[in-house]
Amino acid sequence: MLNVMSALGLLLLMPGPTNTLLLRSGVLSGFRRAWTLSLLECLAYLLQISFWGYLLSHMGASAPWCLKVMQFVSICYLAKTSYCLWREPTVGLPAIPGARVSRRQFFLLTLINPKGLLVVSFIVPVQTFADTALYGQFVMQFTAVVIPVGCAWVLFGARIKRSGHAWLTPQNINRTASVVISCFALAILFKLADALIRTGPAL
């Protein structure tokens, strides 16, 4: 149990699009208004992980193309989010700072975050999704990890806000998030391209 929770914690602490937006929301909105995003993050990840776990436990290696398609869709959505943040970094910022990226967008972004695929592929055994007791245990473990980690990212952002640095403008925050998300998308794209080259016609 501790090994699984430690692995989940390390994975979820890694910088990525979801954590970048949690940090950004903490900076722009403060902890009180933004911490509930960690609940959306948890729900989105659980839906995604459950879907992939169920799919892989029933389909196995018979349809490897399905995973590649979802990875490509994820890359496209990341690219779109990054472009929107960079193209209009200040226009339309609401009175309650928080969110150039809406809760719906945040939920969808987390829903397709490739970290969920990594959880299914490397951390949680596939048989977990075929056994109700094992699945329930996994849900409790995951919830106990992802919500505190998400809150930690929001709190970190809120601390940055309180520091009062002049460079922490909405434009700089949004464009920094855009760059991080772009790098993450490019990394996934390179991995996907490499996998396609190696598998070739077998895919």
C-alpha atoms as a PDB file:
ATOM      1  CA  MET A   1       0.000   0.000   0.000  1.00  0.00           C
ATOM      2  CA  LEU A   2       2.762   2.467   0.965  1.00  0.00           C
ATOM      3  CA  ASN A   3       4.701   1.683  -2.209  1.00  0.00           C
ATOM      4  CA  VAL A   4       1.670   2.474  -4.372  1.00  0.00           C
ATOM      5  CA  MET A   5       0.924   5.688  -2.476  1.00  0.00           C
ATOM      6  CA  SER A   6       4.559   6.788  -2.665  1.00  0.00           C
ATOM      7  CA  ALA A   7       4.660   6.166  -6.411  1.00  0.00           C
ATOM      8  CA  LEU A   8       1.376   8.033  -6.888  1.00  0.00           C
ATOM      9  CA  GLY A   9       2.637  10.930  -4.813  1.00  0.00           C
ATOM     10  CA  LEU A  10       5.855  11.256  -6.795  1.00  0.00           C
ATOM     11  CA  LEU A  11       3.998  11.086 -10.106  1.00  0.00           C
ATOM     12  CA  LEU A  12       1.376  13.638  -9.117  1.00  0.00           C
ATOM     13  CA  LEU A  13       3.981  16.046  -7.739  1.00  0.00           C
ATOM     14  CA  MET A  14       5.686  16.211 -11.129  1.00  0.00           C
ATOM     15  CA  PRO A  15       5.160  19.539 -12.900  1.00  0.00           C
ATOM     16  CA  GLY A  16       2.646  19.273 -15.713  1.00  0.00           C
ATOM     17  CA  PRO A  17      -0.373  21.034 -17.178  1.00  0.00           C
ATOM     18  CA  THR A  18      -2.743  20.264 -14.303  1.00  0.00           C
ATOM     19  CA  ASN A  19      -0.267  21.236 -11.581  1.00  0.00           C
ATOM     20  CA  THR A  20       0.690  24.362 -13.504  1.00  0.00           C
ATOM     21  CA  LEU A  21      -2.939  25.469 -13.600  1.00  0.00           C
ATOM     22  CA  LEU A  22      -3.377  24.649  -9.899  1.00  0.00           C
ATOM     23  CA  LEU A  23      -0.344  26.793  -9.121  1.00  0.00           C
ATOM     24  CA  ARG A  24      -1.658  29.556 -11.361  1.00  0.00           C
ATOM     25  CA  SER A  25      -5.097  29.475  -9.718  1.00  0.00           C
ATOM     26  CA  GLY A  26      -3.476  29.748  -6.300  1.00  0.00           C
ATOM     27  CA  VAL A  27      -1.568  32.827  -7.444  1.00  0.00           C
ATOM     28  CA  LEU A  28      -4.559  34.523  -9.045  1.00  0.00           C
ATOM     29  CA  SER A  29      -7.374  33.460  -6.694  1.00  0.00           C
ATOM     30  CA  GLY A  30      -5.805  32.559  -3.379  1.00  0.00           C
ATOM     31  CA  PHE A  31      -6.065  29.274  -1.534  1.00  0.00           C
ATOM     32  CA  ARG A  32      -9.660  29.637  -0.285  1.00  0.00           C
ATOM     33  CA  ARG A  33     -11.152  30.103  -3.751  1.00  0.00           C
ATOM     34  CA  ALA A  34      -8.898  27.695  -5.619  1.00  0.00           C
ATOM     35  CA  TRP A  35      -8.388  24.671  -3.355  1.00  0.00           C
ATOM     36  CA  THR A  36     -11.619  23.020  -4.562  1.00  0.00           C
ATOM     37  CA  LEU A  37      -9.930  22.493  -7.928  1.00  0.00           C
ATOM     38  CA  SER A  38      -8.115  19.606  -6.247  1.00  0.00           C
ATOM     39  CA  LEU A  39     -11.505  17.885  -5.872  1.00  0.00           C
ATOM     40  CA  LEU A  40     -12.160  18.289  -9.602  1.00  0.00           C
ATOM     41  CA  GLU A  41      -8.657  17.005 -10.274  1.00  0.00           C
ATOM     42  CA  CYS A  42      -9.309  13.903  -8.180  1.00  0.00           C
ATOM     43  CA  LEU A  43     -12.631  13.180  -9.901  1.00  0.00           C
ATOM     44  CA  ALA A  44     -11.191  13.686 -13.382  1.00  0.00           C
ATOM     45  CA  TYR A  45      -8.200  11.452 -12.718  1.00  0.00           C
ATOM     46  CA  LEU A  46     -10.371   8.714 -11.218  1.00  0.00           C
ATOM     47  CA  LEU A  47     -12.696   8.759 -14.237  1.00  0.00           C
ATOM     48  CA  GLN A  48      -9.785   8.592 -16.650  1.00  0.00           C
ATOM     49  CA  ILE A  49      -7.855   5.915 -14.736  1.00  0.00           C
ATOM     50  CA  SER A  50     -10.983   3.811 -14.271  1.00  0.00           C
ATOM     51  CA  PHE A  51     -11.752   4.019 -17.977  1.00  0.00           C
ATOM     52  CA  TRP A  52      -8.261   3.003 -19.067  1.00  0.00           C
ATOM     53  CA  GLY A  53      -7.995   0.342 -16.388  1.00  0.00           C
ATOM     54  CA  TYR A  54     -11.307  -1.224 -17.398  1.00  0.00           C
ATOM     55  CA  LEU A  55     -10.438  -0.988 -21.087  1.00  0.00           C
ATOM     56  CA  LEU A  56      -6.994  -2.504 -20.732  1.00  0.00           C
ATOM     57  CA  SER A  57      -8.188  -5.254 -18.415  1.00  0.00           C
ATOM     58  CA  HIS A  58     -10.759  -6.359 -21.007  1.00  0.00           C
ATOM     59  CA  MET A  59      -8.998  -5.619 -24.261  1.00  0.00           C
ATOM     60  CA  GLY A  60      -5.380  -6.261 -23.378  1.00  0.00           C
ATOM     61  CA  ALA A  61      -3.026  -5.987 -26.290  1.00  0.00           C
ATOM     62  CA  SER A  62      -5.688  -6.561 -28.940  1.00  0.00           C
ATOM     63  CA  ALA A  63      -6.148  -2.848 -29.719  1.00  0.00           C
ATOM     64  CA  PRO A  64      -2.928  -0.886 -29.083  1.00  0.00           C
ATOM     65  CA  TRP A  65      -4.029   1.791 -31.552  1.00  0.00           C
ATOM     66  CA  CYS A  66      -6.675   3.008 -29.098  1.00  0.00           C
ATOM     67  CA  LEU A  67      -4.022   4.185 -26.659  1.00  0.00           C
ATOM     68  CA  LYS A  68      -2.151   6.011 -29.428  1.00  0.00           C
ATOM     69  CA  VAL A  69      -5.295   7.817 -30.565  1.00  0.00           C
ATOM     70  CA  MET A  70      -6.027   9.042 -27.045  1.00  0.00           C
ATOM     71  CA  GLN A  71      -2.449  10.237 -26.638  1.00  0.00           C
ATOM     72  CA  PHE A  72      -2.753  12.224 -29.863  1.00  0.00           C
ATOM     73  CA  VAL A  73      -6.058  13.760 -28.714  1.00  0.00           C
ATOM     74  CA  SER A  74      -4.373  14.719 -25.456  1.00  0.00           C
ATOM     75  CA  ILE A  75      -1.569  16.447 -27.353  1.00  0.00           C
ATOM     76  CA  CYS A  76      -4.067  18.427 -29.444  1.00  0.00           C
ATOM     77  CA  TYR A  77      -5.982  19.604 -26.387  1.00  0.00           C
ATOM     78  CA  LEU A  78      -2.772  20.603 -24.601  1.00  0.00           C
ATOM     79  CA  ALA A  79      -1.687  22.560 -27.664  1.00  0.00           C
ATOM     80  CA  LYS A  80      -5.034  24.367 -27.831  1.00  0.00           C
ATOM     81  CA  THR A  81      -4.939  25.272 -24.131  1.00  0.00           C
ATOM     82  CA  SER A  82      -1.375  26.537 -24.444  1.00  0.00           C
ATOM     83  CA  TYR A  83      -2.247  28.633 -27.491  1.00  0.00           C
ATOM     84  CA  CYS A  84      -5.252  30.232 -25.780  1.00  0.00           C
ATOM     85  CA  LEU A  85      -3.203  31.158 -22.715  1.00  0.00           C
ATOM     86  CA  TRP A  86      -0.450  32.711 -24.837  1.00  0.00           C
ATOM     87  CA  ARG A  87      -2.674  34.426 -27.429  1.00  0.00           C
ATOM     88  CA  GLU A  88      -4.897  36.270 -24.958  1.00  0.00           C
ATOM     89  CA  PRO A  89      -3.042  36.388 -21.648  1.00  0.00           C
ATOM     90  CA  THR A  90      -5.014  39.294 -20.144  1.00  0.00           C
ATOM     91  CA  VAL A  91      -8.151  39.905 -22.198  1.00  0.00           C
ATOM     92  CA  GLY A  92     -11.394  38.905 -20.497  1.00  0.00           C
ATOM     93  CA  LEU A  93      -9.917  38.261 -17.066  1.00  0.00           C
ATOM     94  CA  PRO A  94     -12.943  38.107 -14.743  1.00  0.00           C
ATOM     95  CA  ALA A  95     -13.433  40.175 -11.628  1.00  0.00           C
ATOM     96  CA  ILE A  96     -12.774  37.117  -9.484  1.00  0.00           C
ATOM     97  CA  PRO A  97      -9.295  36.273 -10.645  1.00  0.00           C
ATOM     98  CA  GLY A  98      -9.159  32.705 -11.302  1.00  0.00           C
ATOM     99  CA  ALA A  99      -9.693  31.870 -14.208  1.00  0.00           C
ATOM    100  CA  ARG A 100      -8.677  32.466 -17.570  1.00  0.00           C
ATOM    101  CA  VAL A 101      -9.061  28.666 -17.711  1.00  0.00           C
ATOM    102  CA  SER A 102     -12.528  27.763 -16.457  1.00  0.00           C
ATOM    103  CA  ARG A 103     -13.332  24.900 -14.102  1.00  0.00           C
ATOM    104  CA  ARG A 104     -14.805  23.016 -17.042  1.00  0.00           C
ATOM    105  CA  GLN A 105     -11.597  23.481 -19.029  1.00  0.00           C
ATOM    106  CA  PHE A 106      -9.529  22.471 -16.014  1.00  0.00           C
ATOM    107  CA  PHE A 107     -11.625  19.329 -15.558  1.00  0.00           C
ATOM    108  CA  LEU A 108     -11.294  18.384 -19.246  1.00  0.00           C
ATOM    109  CA  LEU A 109      -7.583  19.092 -19.232  1.00  0.00           C
ATOM    110  CA  THR A 110      -7.098  16.839 -16.205  1.00  0.00           C
ATOM    111  CA  LEU A 111      -9.358  14.214 -17.742  1.00  0.00           C
ATOM    112  CA  ILE A 112      -6.957  13.782 -20.660  1.00  0.00           C
ATOM    113  CA  ASN A 113      -3.740  14.361 -18.715  1.00  0.00           C
ATOM    114  CA  PRO A 114      -1.418  11.475 -19.688  1.00  0.00           C
ATOM    115  CA  LYS A 115      -0.472  10.953 -16.044  1.00  0.00           C
ATOM    116  CA  GLY A 116      -3.600   8.834 -15.743  1.00  0.00           C
ATOM    117  CA  LEU A 117      -2.248   6.494 -18.396  1.00  0.00           C
ATOM    118  CA  LEU A 118       1.048   6.268 -16.532  1.00  0.00           C
ATOM    119  CA  VAL A 119      -0.805   5.255 -13.371  1.00  0.00           C
ATOM    120  CA  VAL A 120      -2.532   2.405 -15.191  1.00  0.00           C
ATOM    121  CA  SER A 121       0.554   1.378 -17.118  1.00  0.00           C
ATOM    122  CA  PHE A 122       3.200   1.443 -14.404  1.00  0.00           C
ATOM    123  CA  ILE A 123       1.773   1.803 -10.890  1.00  0.00           C
ATOM    124  CA  VAL A 124      -1.553   0.016 -10.520  1.00  0.00           C
ATOM    125  CA  PRO A 125      -1.872  -3.628 -11.642  1.00  0.00           C
ATOM    126  CA  VAL A 126      -4.469  -4.128 -14.367  1.00  0.00           C
ATOM    127  CA  GLN A 127      -6.277  -6.765 -12.276  1.00  0.00           C
ATOM    128  CA  THR A 128      -7.193  -3.994  -9.823  1.00  0.00           C
ATOM    129  CA  PHE A 129      -9.949  -2.902 -12.199  1.00  0.00           C
ATOM    130  CA  ALA A 130     -11.428  -6.378 -12.432  1.00  0.00           C
ATOM    131  CA  ASP A 131     -11.846  -6.805  -8.668  1.00  0.00           C
ATOM    132  CA  THR A 132     -14.283  -4.613  -6.718  1.00  0.00           C
ATOM    133  CA  ALA A 133     -12.393  -4.844  -3.430  1.00  0.00           C
ATOM    134  CA  LEU A 134      -9.037  -3.989  -4.998  1.00  0.00           C
ATOM    135  CA  TYR A 135     -10.592  -1.150  -6.955  1.00  0.00           C
ATOM    136  CA  GLY A 136     -12.218   0.331  -3.839  1.00  0.00           C
ATOM    137  CA  GLN A 137      -8.883   0.182  -2.030  1.00  0.00           C
ATOM    138  CA  PHE A 138      -7.176   1.919  -4.937  1.00  0.00           C
ATOM    139  CA  VAL A 139      -9.795   4.712  -5.001  1.00  0.00           C
ATOM    140  CA  MET A 140      -9.215   5.413  -1.300  1.00  0.00           C
ATOM    141  CA  GLN A 141      -5.434   5.402  -1.742  1.00  0.00           C
ATOM    142  CA  PHE A 142      -5.583   7.660  -4.763  1.00  0.00           C
ATOM    143  CA  THR A 143      -7.970  10.142  -3.118  1.00  0.00           C
ATOM    144  CA  ALA A 144      -5.742  10.279  -0.035  1.00  0.00           C
ATOM    145  CA  VAL A 145      -2.817  11.291  -2.254  1.00  0.00           C
ATOM    146  CA  VAL A 146      -4.189  13.473  -5.054  1.00  0.00           C
ATOM    147  CA  ILE A 147      -6.226  15.944  -2.968  1.00  0.00           C
ATOM    148  CA  PRO A 148      -3.381  16.899  -0.582  1.00  0.00           C
ATOM    149  CA  VAL A 149      -0.940  17.145  -3.503  1.00  0.00           C
ATOM    150  CA  GLY A 150      -3.368  19.354  -5.451  1.00  0.00           C
ATOM    151  CA  CYS A 151      -3.916  21.575  -2.414  1.00  0.00           C
ATOM    152  CA  ALA A 152      -0.147  21.838  -1.976  1.00  0.00           C
ATOM    153  CA  TRP A 153       0.220  23.230  -5.508  1.00  0.00           C
ATOM    154  CA  VAL A 154      -2.576  25.762  -4.889  1.00  0.00           C
ATOM    155  CA  LEU A 155      -1.049  26.751  -1.554  1.00  0.00           C
ATOM    156  CA  PHE A 156       2.329  27.225  -3.207  1.00  0.00           C
ATOM    157  CA  GLY A 157       0.719  29.564  -5.705  1.00  0.00           C
ATOM    158  CA  ALA A 158      -1.026  31.484  -2.936  1.00  0.00           C
ATOM    159  CA  ARG A 159       2.303  31.897  -1.121  1.00  0.00           C
ATOM    160  CA  ILE A 160       3.853  33.306  -4.279  1.00  0.00           C
ATOM    161  CA  LYS A 161       0.978  35.782  -4.490  1.00  0.00           C
ATOM    162  CA  ARG A 162       1.564  36.980  -0.930  1.00  0.00           C
ATOM    163  CA  SER A 163       5.235  37.567  -1.645  1.00  0.00           C
ATOM    164  CA  GLY A 164       4.175  40.533  -3.795  1.00  0.00           C
ATOM    165  CA  HIS A 165       6.682  40.183  -6.608  1.00  0.00           C
ATOM    166  CA  ALA A 166       6.027  42.774  -9.326  1.00  0.00           C
ATOM    167  CA  TRP A 167       6.558  40.316 -12.178  1.00  0.00           C
ATOM    168  CA  LEU A 168       3.576  38.197 -11.068  1.00  0.00           C
ATOM    169  CA  THR A 169       1.100  39.785 -13.476  1.00  0.00           C
ATOM    170  CA  PRO A 170      -1.760  37.785 -15.053  1.00  0.00           C
ATOM    171  CA  GLN A 171       0.006  38.035 -18.415  1.00  0.00           C
ATOM    172  CA  ASN A 172       3.277  36.599 -17.106  1.00  0.00           C
ATOM    173  CA  ILE A 173       1.490  33.874 -15.157  1.00  0.00           C
ATOM    174  CA  ASN A 174      -0.613  32.804 -18.120  1.00  0.00           C
ATOM    175  CA  ARG A 175       2.298  32.838 -20.540  1.00  0.00           C
ATOM    176  CA  THR A 176       4.481  30.880 -18.128  1.00  0.00           C
ATOM    177  CA  ALA A 177       1.716  28.285 -17.862  1.00  0.00           C
ATOM    178  CA  SER A 178       1.499  28.276 -21.657  1.00  0.00           C
ATOM    179  CA  VAL A 179       5.215  27.515 -22.021  1.00  0.00           C
ATOM    180  CA  VAL A 180       5.126  24.699 -19.450  1.00  0.00           C
ATOM    181  CA  ILE A 181       2.086  23.105 -21.076  1.00  0.00           C
ATOM    182  CA  SER A 182       3.722  23.393 -24.514  1.00  0.00           C
ATOM    183  CA  CYS A 183       6.863  21.641 -23.281  1.00  0.00           C
ATOM    184  CA  PHE A 184       4.761  18.894 -21.756  1.00  0.00           C
ATOM    185  CA  ALA A 185       2.836  18.444 -25.012  1.00  0.00           C
ATOM    186  CA  LEU A 186       6.055  18.309 -27.038  1.00  0.00           C
ATOM    187  CA  ALA A 187       7.510  15.674 -24.728  1.00  0.00           C
ATOM    188  CA  ILE A 188       4.437  13.492 -25.207  1.00  0.00           C
ATOM    189  CA  LEU A 189       4.510  14.081 -28.965  1.00  0.00           C
ATOM    190  CA  PHE A 190       8.127  12.926 -29.205  1.00  0.00           C
ATOM    191  CA  LYS A 191       7.354   9.805 -27.163  1.00  0.00           C
ATOM    192  CA  LEU A 192       4.330   9.029 -29.305  1.00  0.00           C
ATOM    193  CA  ALA A 193       6.318   9.524 -32.515  1.00  0.00           C
ATOM    194  CA  ASP A 194       9.091   7.292 -31.202  1.00  0.00           C
ATOM    195  CA  ALA A 195       6.589   4.575 -30.278  1.00  0.00           C
ATOM    196  CA  LEU A 196       4.977   4.741 -33.722  1.00  0.00           C
ATOM    197  CA  ILE A 197       8.368   4.500 -35.442  1.00  0.00           C
ATOM    198  CA  ARG A 198       9.414   1.519 -33.346  1.00  0.00           C
ATOM    199  CA  THR A 199       6.143  -0.392 -33.739  1.00  0.00           C
ATOM    200  CA  GLY A 200       5.698   0.502 -37.410  1.00  0.00           C
ATOM    201  CA  PRO A 201       3.098  -1.557 -39.272  1.00  0.00           C
ATOM    202  CA  ALA A 202       2.480  -3.713 -36.210  1.00  0.00           C
ATOM    203  CA  LEU A 203       0.327  -0.907 -34.771  1.00  0.00           C
END
